Protein backbone atom coordinates (compact mmCIF):
# COMPACT_ATOMS: atom_id res chain seq x y z
CA UNK A 1 -38.87 -7.19 -42.06
CA UNK A 2 -37.13 -7.36 -38.43
CA UNK A 3 -40.10 -6.13 -36.40
CA UNK A 4 -42.87 -8.74 -38.35
CA UNK A 5 -39.95 -11.41 -37.45
CA UNK A 6 -39.91 -10.17 -34.12
CA UNK A 7 -43.89 -10.14 -34.09
CA UNK A 8 -44.30 -13.66 -35.36
CA UNK A 9 -41.49 -14.73 -32.57
CA UNK A 10 -42.83 -12.73 -29.69
CA UNK A 11 -46.84 -13.99 -30.85
CA UNK A 12 -45.47 -17.56 -30.72
CA UNK A 13 -44.00 -17.09 -27.39
CA UNK A 14 -46.12 -14.81 -24.94
CA UNK A 15 -49.07 -14.24 -26.62
CA UNK A 16 -52.46 -17.27 -25.85
CA UNK A 17 -52.52 -18.64 -28.97
CA UNK A 18 -53.59 -22.41 -28.96
CA UNK A 19 -50.52 -24.61 -29.82
CA UNK A 20 -51.11 -24.86 -33.64
CA UNK A 21 -51.27 -21.07 -33.77
CA UNK A 22 -48.13 -20.85 -32.03
CA UNK A 23 -46.62 -23.61 -34.55
CA UNK A 24 -47.57 -21.06 -37.28
CA UNK A 25 -46.37 -18.14 -36.00
CA UNK A 26 -42.93 -19.88 -35.39
CA UNK A 27 -42.96 -20.91 -38.97
CA UNK A 28 -43.69 -17.59 -40.19
CA UNK A 29 -40.53 -16.07 -38.28
CA UNK A 30 -38.37 -18.62 -39.66
CA UNK A 31 -39.18 -18.47 -43.44
CA UNK A 32 -38.73 -14.39 -42.82
CA UNK A 33 -35.34 -15.00 -41.02
CA UNK A 34 -33.94 -15.10 -44.05
CA UNK A 35 -30.30 -13.72 -42.62
CA UNK A 36 -30.96 -16.57 -39.57
CA UNK A 37 -30.55 -13.93 -36.88
CA UNK A 38 -33.12 -15.16 -34.75
CA UNK A 39 -33.44 -18.75 -35.71
CA UNK A 40 -31.76 -20.33 -33.09
CA UNK A 41 -33.90 -18.50 -30.92
CA UNK A 42 -36.94 -19.53 -32.74
CA UNK A 43 -36.29 -23.04 -32.54
CA UNK A 44 -35.45 -22.93 -28.98
CA UNK A 45 -38.45 -21.76 -27.93
CA UNK A 46 -40.23 -23.84 -30.13
CA UNK A 47 -38.55 -26.81 -28.66
CA UNK A 48 -39.57 -25.48 -25.06
CA UNK A 49 -43.27 -25.07 -26.34
CA UNK A 50 -43.23 -29.20 -27.22
CA UNK A 51 -41.50 -29.62 -23.78
CA UNK A 52 -44.29 -28.08 -22.30
CA UNK A 53 -46.86 -30.13 -24.32
CA UNK A 54 -44.64 -33.60 -23.32
CA UNK A 55 -43.79 -34.14 -26.76
CA UNK A 56 -40.49 -35.17 -26.32
CA UNK A 57 -39.63 -36.92 -29.76
CA UNK A 58 -40.94 -33.35 -31.34
CA UNK A 59 -38.68 -30.92 -28.90
CA UNK A 60 -35.61 -33.37 -29.40
CA UNK A 61 -35.85 -32.33 -32.69
CA UNK A 62 -36.01 -28.75 -32.48
CA UNK A 63 -33.06 -28.63 -29.85
CA UNK A 64 -31.05 -30.58 -31.77
CA UNK A 65 -31.66 -28.14 -34.40
CA UNK A 66 -30.72 -25.37 -32.02
CA UNK A 67 -27.50 -27.48 -31.36
CA UNK A 68 -26.24 -27.27 -35.01
CA UNK A 69 -26.51 -23.34 -34.75
CA UNK A 70 -25.08 -23.31 -31.43
CA UNK A 71 -22.74 -25.91 -30.98
CA UNK A 72 -21.14 -24.46 -27.68
CA UNK A 73 -24.66 -24.23 -25.44
CA UNK A 74 -24.45 -26.45 -22.37
CA UNK A 75 -28.06 -25.96 -21.65
CA UNK A 76 -29.19 -27.58 -25.26
CA UNK A 77 -26.96 -30.19 -24.72
CA UNK A 78 -28.79 -30.74 -21.27
CA UNK A 79 -32.32 -30.31 -22.60
CA UNK A 80 -31.65 -32.66 -25.42
CA UNK A 81 -30.35 -34.99 -22.51
CA UNK A 82 -33.14 -34.49 -20.67
CA UNK A 83 -35.87 -35.18 -23.75
CA UNK A 84 -33.76 -38.74 -24.24
CA UNK A 85 -34.22 -39.23 -20.95
CA UNK A 86 -37.92 -38.87 -20.83
CA UNK A 87 -37.88 -41.01 -24.09
CA UNK A 88 -36.18 -43.57 -22.16
CA UNK A 89 -32.95 -43.65 -24.44
CA UNK A 90 -30.45 -43.49 -21.13
CA UNK A 91 -27.28 -44.18 -23.31
CA UNK A 92 -27.92 -41.37 -25.55
CA UNK A 93 -29.14 -38.76 -22.61
CA UNK A 94 -25.36 -39.77 -20.96
CA UNK A 95 -23.85 -38.91 -24.73
CA UNK A 96 -25.54 -35.55 -24.37
CA UNK A 97 -24.33 -35.06 -20.59
CA UNK A 98 -20.63 -35.51 -21.52
CA UNK A 99 -20.84 -32.97 -24.34
CA UNK A 100 -22.25 -30.51 -21.89
CA UNK A 101 -19.69 -31.45 -19.09
CA UNK A 102 -16.67 -30.80 -22.21
CA UNK A 103 -18.62 -27.46 -23.26
CA UNK A 104 -18.19 -26.23 -19.55
CA UNK A 105 -15.94 -28.61 -17.59
CA UNK A 106 -15.89 -26.69 -14.62
CA UNK A 107 -19.58 -26.48 -14.01
CA UNK A 108 -20.73 -28.53 -10.83
CA UNK A 109 -24.31 -28.66 -12.58
CA UNK A 110 -23.34 -30.47 -15.73
CA UNK A 111 -20.80 -32.47 -13.75
CA UNK A 112 -24.02 -33.97 -11.54
CA UNK A 113 -26.20 -34.69 -14.58
CA UNK A 114 -23.30 -36.65 -15.72
CA UNK A 115 -23.26 -38.89 -12.56
CA UNK A 116 -26.90 -38.97 -12.10
CA UNK A 117 -26.97 -40.79 -15.15
CA UNK A 118 -24.03 -43.18 -14.75
CA UNK A 119 -25.87 -44.09 -11.68
CA UNK A 120 -29.07 -44.69 -13.48
CA UNK A 121 -26.66 -47.37 -16.12
CA UNK A 122 -25.17 -48.92 -12.89
CA UNK A 123 -21.93 -47.41 -14.36
CA UNK A 124 -19.77 -47.24 -10.63
CA UNK A 125 -16.70 -47.19 -11.84
CA UNK A 126 -17.05 -44.67 -14.49
CA UNK A 127 -18.85 -42.71 -11.93
CA UNK A 128 -15.59 -42.54 -9.61
CA UNK A 129 -13.58 -41.94 -11.90
CA UNK A 130 -15.66 -38.89 -13.58
CA UNK A 131 -15.48 -37.50 -10.14
CA UNK A 132 -11.68 -37.82 -9.57
CA UNK A 133 -11.33 -36.43 -13.11
CA UNK A 134 -13.55 -33.45 -11.93
CA UNK A 135 -12.02 -32.90 -8.91
CA UNK A 136 -8.40 -32.45 -10.96
CA UNK A 137 -9.88 -30.11 -13.35
CA UNK A 138 -11.15 -28.33 -10.45
CA UNK A 139 -8.77 -28.39 -7.59
CA UNK A 140 -10.08 -25.32 -5.48
CA UNK A 141 -13.58 -27.92 -5.18
CA UNK A 142 -11.16 -30.73 -3.73
CA UNK A 143 -11.59 -28.85 -0.32
CA UNK A 144 -15.00 -27.76 -0.82
CA UNK A 145 -17.23 -29.50 1.97
CA UNK A 146 -20.17 -28.54 0.30
CA UNK A 147 -19.27 -30.06 -3.15
CA UNK A 148 -18.74 -33.71 -0.95
CA UNK A 149 -21.92 -33.24 0.64
CA UNK A 150 -23.81 -32.63 -2.44
CA UNK A 151 -22.14 -35.89 -3.95
CA UNK A 152 -23.14 -37.51 -0.82
CA UNK A 153 -26.73 -36.23 -0.82
CA UNK A 154 -27.07 -36.81 -4.76
CA UNK A 155 -26.15 -40.87 -3.98
CA UNK A 156 -28.66 -41.14 -1.17
CA UNK A 157 -31.92 -39.88 -3.26
CA UNK A 158 -31.32 -42.82 -5.19
CA UNK A 159 -30.82 -44.69 -2.17
CA UNK A 160 -27.51 -45.94 -2.85
CA UNK A 161 -26.32 -45.08 1.26
CA UNK A 162 -23.57 -47.28 0.74
CA UNK A 163 -21.77 -45.08 -2.20
CA UNK A 164 -22.46 -41.91 -0.54
CA UNK A 165 -20.62 -42.68 3.08
CA UNK A 166 -16.95 -41.70 1.44
CA UNK A 167 -18.20 -38.37 0.25
CA UNK A 168 -20.25 -37.76 3.71
CA UNK A 169 -16.73 -38.55 5.38
CA UNK A 170 -14.98 -36.14 3.05
CA UNK A 171 -17.47 -33.73 3.85
CA UNK A 172 -17.07 -33.98 7.64
CA UNK A 173 -12.96 -34.39 7.31
CA UNK A 174 -12.94 -30.80 5.95
CA UNK A 175 -15.78 -29.14 8.18
CA UNK A 176 -15.96 -31.31 11.48
CA UNK A 177 -18.31 -28.87 13.29
CA UNK A 178 -21.67 -28.86 10.79
CA UNK A 179 -24.30 -30.76 12.80
CA UNK A 180 -26.49 -31.50 9.28
CA UNK A 181 -22.86 -33.29 7.64
CA UNK A 182 -23.20 -35.71 10.88
CA UNK A 183 -26.50 -35.98 10.64
CA UNK A 184 -26.88 -37.33 7.29
CA UNK A 185 -23.67 -39.52 7.52
CA UNK A 186 -25.23 -40.94 10.53
CA UNK A 187 -28.58 -41.46 8.66
CA UNK A 188 -26.60 -42.97 5.59
CA UNK A 189 -24.94 -45.45 8.14
CA UNK A 190 -28.24 -46.24 9.79
CA UNK A 191 -29.60 -47.33 6.52
CA UNK A 192 -26.48 -49.56 6.03
CA UNK A 193 -27.04 -51.03 9.40
CA UNK A 194 -23.85 -49.68 10.67
CA UNK A 195 -25.97 -48.86 14.15
CA UNK A 196 -23.25 -48.59 16.25
CA UNK A 197 -21.50 -45.72 13.83
CA UNK A 198 -24.95 -43.97 13.41
CA UNK A 199 -25.21 -43.86 17.11
CA UNK A 200 -21.95 -42.00 17.45
CA UNK A 201 -22.84 -39.59 14.68
CA UNK A 202 -26.23 -38.72 16.04
CA UNK A 203 -24.61 -38.33 19.65
CA UNK A 204 -21.95 -35.90 17.64
CA UNK A 205 -24.94 -34.28 16.51
CA UNK A 206 -26.70 -33.46 19.90
CA UNK A 207 -23.18 -32.25 20.87
CA UNK A 208 -22.97 -29.50 18.22
CA UNK A 209 -26.25 -28.54 18.37
CA UNK A 210 -28.14 -29.29 21.70
CA UNK A 211 -31.60 -28.45 20.26
CA UNK A 212 -31.32 -31.06 17.30
CA UNK A 213 -34.48 -32.86 18.52
CA UNK A 214 -34.93 -34.99 15.54
CA UNK A 215 -31.08 -36.24 16.31
CA UNK A 216 -32.52 -37.32 20.21
CA UNK A 217 -35.13 -38.90 18.51
CA UNK A 218 -32.70 -40.85 16.57
CA UNK A 219 -30.50 -41.14 19.28
CA UNK A 220 -33.26 -42.73 21.67
CA UNK A 221 -34.44 -45.46 18.93
CA UNK A 222 -31.11 -46.47 18.34
CA UNK A 223 -30.06 -46.91 21.63
CA UNK A 224 -33.63 -48.42 22.79
CA UNK A 225 -33.22 -51.04 19.94
CA UNK A 226 -29.38 -51.90 20.75
CA UNK A 227 -30.96 -52.17 24.67
CA UNK A 228 -29.63 -48.86 26.07
CA UNK A 229 -33.16 -48.23 27.37
CA UNK A 230 -32.20 -45.68 30.17
CA UNK A 231 -30.02 -43.97 28.15
CA UNK A 232 -32.93 -43.88 25.33
CA UNK A 233 -35.30 -42.33 28.07
CA UNK A 234 -32.73 -39.65 28.63
CA UNK A 235 -32.68 -38.24 24.92
CA UNK A 236 -36.32 -38.23 25.38
CA UNK A 237 -36.76 -36.59 28.35
CA UNK A 238 -34.17 -33.78 26.88
CA UNK A 239 -36.53 -33.29 23.89
CA UNK A 240 -39.84 -33.06 26.20
CA UNK A 241 -37.87 -30.39 28.20
CA UNK A 242 -37.06 -28.48 25.06
CA UNK A 243 -40.82 -28.76 24.19
CA UNK A 244 -39.92 -30.33 20.55
CA UNK A 245 -41.95 -33.61 20.67
CA UNK A 246 -42.76 -34.99 17.77
CA UNK A 247 -44.52 -38.36 17.33
CA UNK A 248 -41.57 -40.59 17.50
CA UNK A 249 -40.97 -39.13 20.87
CA UNK A 250 -44.23 -40.85 22.15
CA UNK A 251 -43.90 -44.08 20.33
CA UNK A 252 -40.06 -44.23 21.47
CA UNK A 253 -40.77 -43.10 25.06
CA UNK A 254 -43.86 -45.75 24.94
CA UNK A 255 -41.28 -48.26 24.30
CA UNK A 256 -38.82 -47.77 26.93
CA UNK A 257 -41.18 -47.24 29.63
CA UNK A 258 -43.28 -50.27 28.91
CA UNK A 259 -39.57 -51.99 28.85
CA UNK A 260 -39.11 -51.11 32.18
CA UNK A 261 -42.34 -51.50 33.73
CA UNK A 262 -44.73 -53.36 31.63
CA UNK A 263 -47.74 -51.83 32.77
CA UNK A 264 -50.05 -49.76 30.55
CA UNK A 265 -50.71 -47.10 33.07
CA UNK A 266 -47.34 -45.73 33.19
CA UNK A 267 -47.28 -45.24 29.26
CA UNK A 268 -51.06 -43.99 29.12
CA UNK A 269 -49.83 -40.18 29.05
CA UNK A 270 -47.69 -41.19 26.07
CA UNK A 271 -50.47 -43.19 24.38
CA UNK A 272 -53.02 -40.31 24.51
CA UNK A 273 -50.42 -37.63 23.15
CA UNK A 274 -49.31 -40.21 20.18
CA UNK A 275 -53.17 -40.61 19.95
CA UNK A 276 -53.54 -36.63 19.50
CA UNK A 277 -50.92 -36.73 16.93
CA UNK A 278 -52.74 -39.50 15.26
CA UNK A 279 -56.06 -37.82 15.18
CA UNK A 280 -54.30 -34.81 13.11
CA UNK A 281 -52.12 -36.37 11.03
CA UNK A 282 -53.44 -39.81 11.30
CA UNK A 283 -52.90 -41.54 7.55
CA UNK A 284 -49.00 -39.97 7.13
CA UNK A 285 -48.05 -41.15 10.62
CA UNK A 286 -49.75 -44.90 10.14
CA UNK A 287 -47.82 -44.87 6.90
CA UNK A 288 -44.38 -43.93 8.39
CA UNK A 289 -45.11 -46.98 11.01
CA UNK A 290 -46.02 -49.12 8.41
CA UNK A 291 -42.98 -48.67 6.10
CA UNK A 292 -41.38 -49.21 9.37
CA UNK A 293 -42.85 -52.42 9.62
CA UNK A 294 -42.12 -53.66 6.22
CA UNK A 295 -38.54 -52.00 6.61
CA UNK A 296 -37.83 -53.99 9.62
CA UNK A 297 -39.45 -57.09 8.53
CA UNK A 298 -37.55 -57.06 4.84
CA UNK A 299 -34.20 -56.66 6.59
CA UNK A 300 -34.89 -60.00 8.83
CA UNK A 301 -34.95 -61.98 5.72
CA UNK A 302 -31.08 -61.03 4.96
CA UNK A 303 -28.29 -62.62 6.34
CA UNK A 304 -27.66 -60.49 9.34
CA UNK A 305 -25.04 -60.61 12.37
CA UNK A 306 -26.41 -60.82 15.76
CA UNK A 307 -26.33 -57.58 16.59
CA UNK A 308 -28.11 -56.43 13.58
CA UNK A 309 -30.61 -59.31 13.45
CA UNK A 310 -31.31 -57.99 17.40
CA UNK A 311 -31.87 -54.66 16.43
CA UNK A 312 -34.25 -55.18 13.92
CA UNK A 313 -36.34 -57.90 16.14
CA UNK A 314 -36.84 -55.30 18.39
CA UNK A 315 -37.50 -52.27 16.04
CA UNK A 316 -40.74 -55.19 14.67
CA UNK A 317 -41.57 -55.96 18.00
CA UNK A 318 -41.63 -52.38 18.89
CA UNK A 319 -43.90 -51.25 15.74
CA UNK A 320 -46.28 -53.79 16.27
CA UNK A 321 -46.94 -52.88 20.00
CA UNK A 322 -47.22 -49.20 19.14
CA UNK A 323 -49.54 -49.87 15.96
CA UNK A 324 -51.86 -52.21 18.63
CA UNK A 325 -52.07 -49.09 20.89
CA UNK A 326 -53.03 -46.47 18.43
CA UNK A 327 -55.50 -48.94 16.41
């Protein structure tokens, strides 16, 4: 009998049957499994089949059957939450994410799933209290810089830069010599228009990693838009000396040089190099420039202080100028 169950189960799980054929094999395996030795695995694989077919209502039913049989499976609780999310049932998904966390209270993966769903439901106060509760249950993690950094990265992926700032600061407090921590913190500060603070972070990255060419480019971009053109040129020259130029190096150098001497002959070498980049990666680069244009225009519609307004006016005119040169 067990061999026949195994045959039906593994036929459904691994053989190249049609979905209908697999359903038949799963059904046969369940009927043969009178002692319910393999019932859990049959329902789990059946749920996985429906998940692969994007039939989320059916996968949800199978996974729920598994959880009845194995109520301490955090993996299944998370799979149910995922199915509910795909069915546009976020509140119900959150319930099962909390269930998974209750089963494994020290699991960072389960904790992260709860935070992501709280964020999507805009339950920010609960999100903060949940993070604190998790740290209280796992005191050794409180001094783990990577934990705080991952927390911040999770929020920035959802464009919640302001909420991410405290976690970045905590990560840097624990690991002050991490160039990547300072860099991402600088990016979050930039998105929240804390330009002077962002600039300090990019300069800190350069201090920690003198070959971090993106930090040099970002620093130059910030300095140009804040009116420190000579310092911006110095950063860009450092990138060129290290042979680490990217498209932003050329566009930033064009703006800086033209600002000091509005003569196209001065910037022609950089225009040619930028056009070479455009020739090999044109659509992507133009998309980046146009996105920056839209962001600057959007930012200027907000109620800004004078420094932020001036920064974005320079940013807007600079992008328009570069686009006019490259066609």
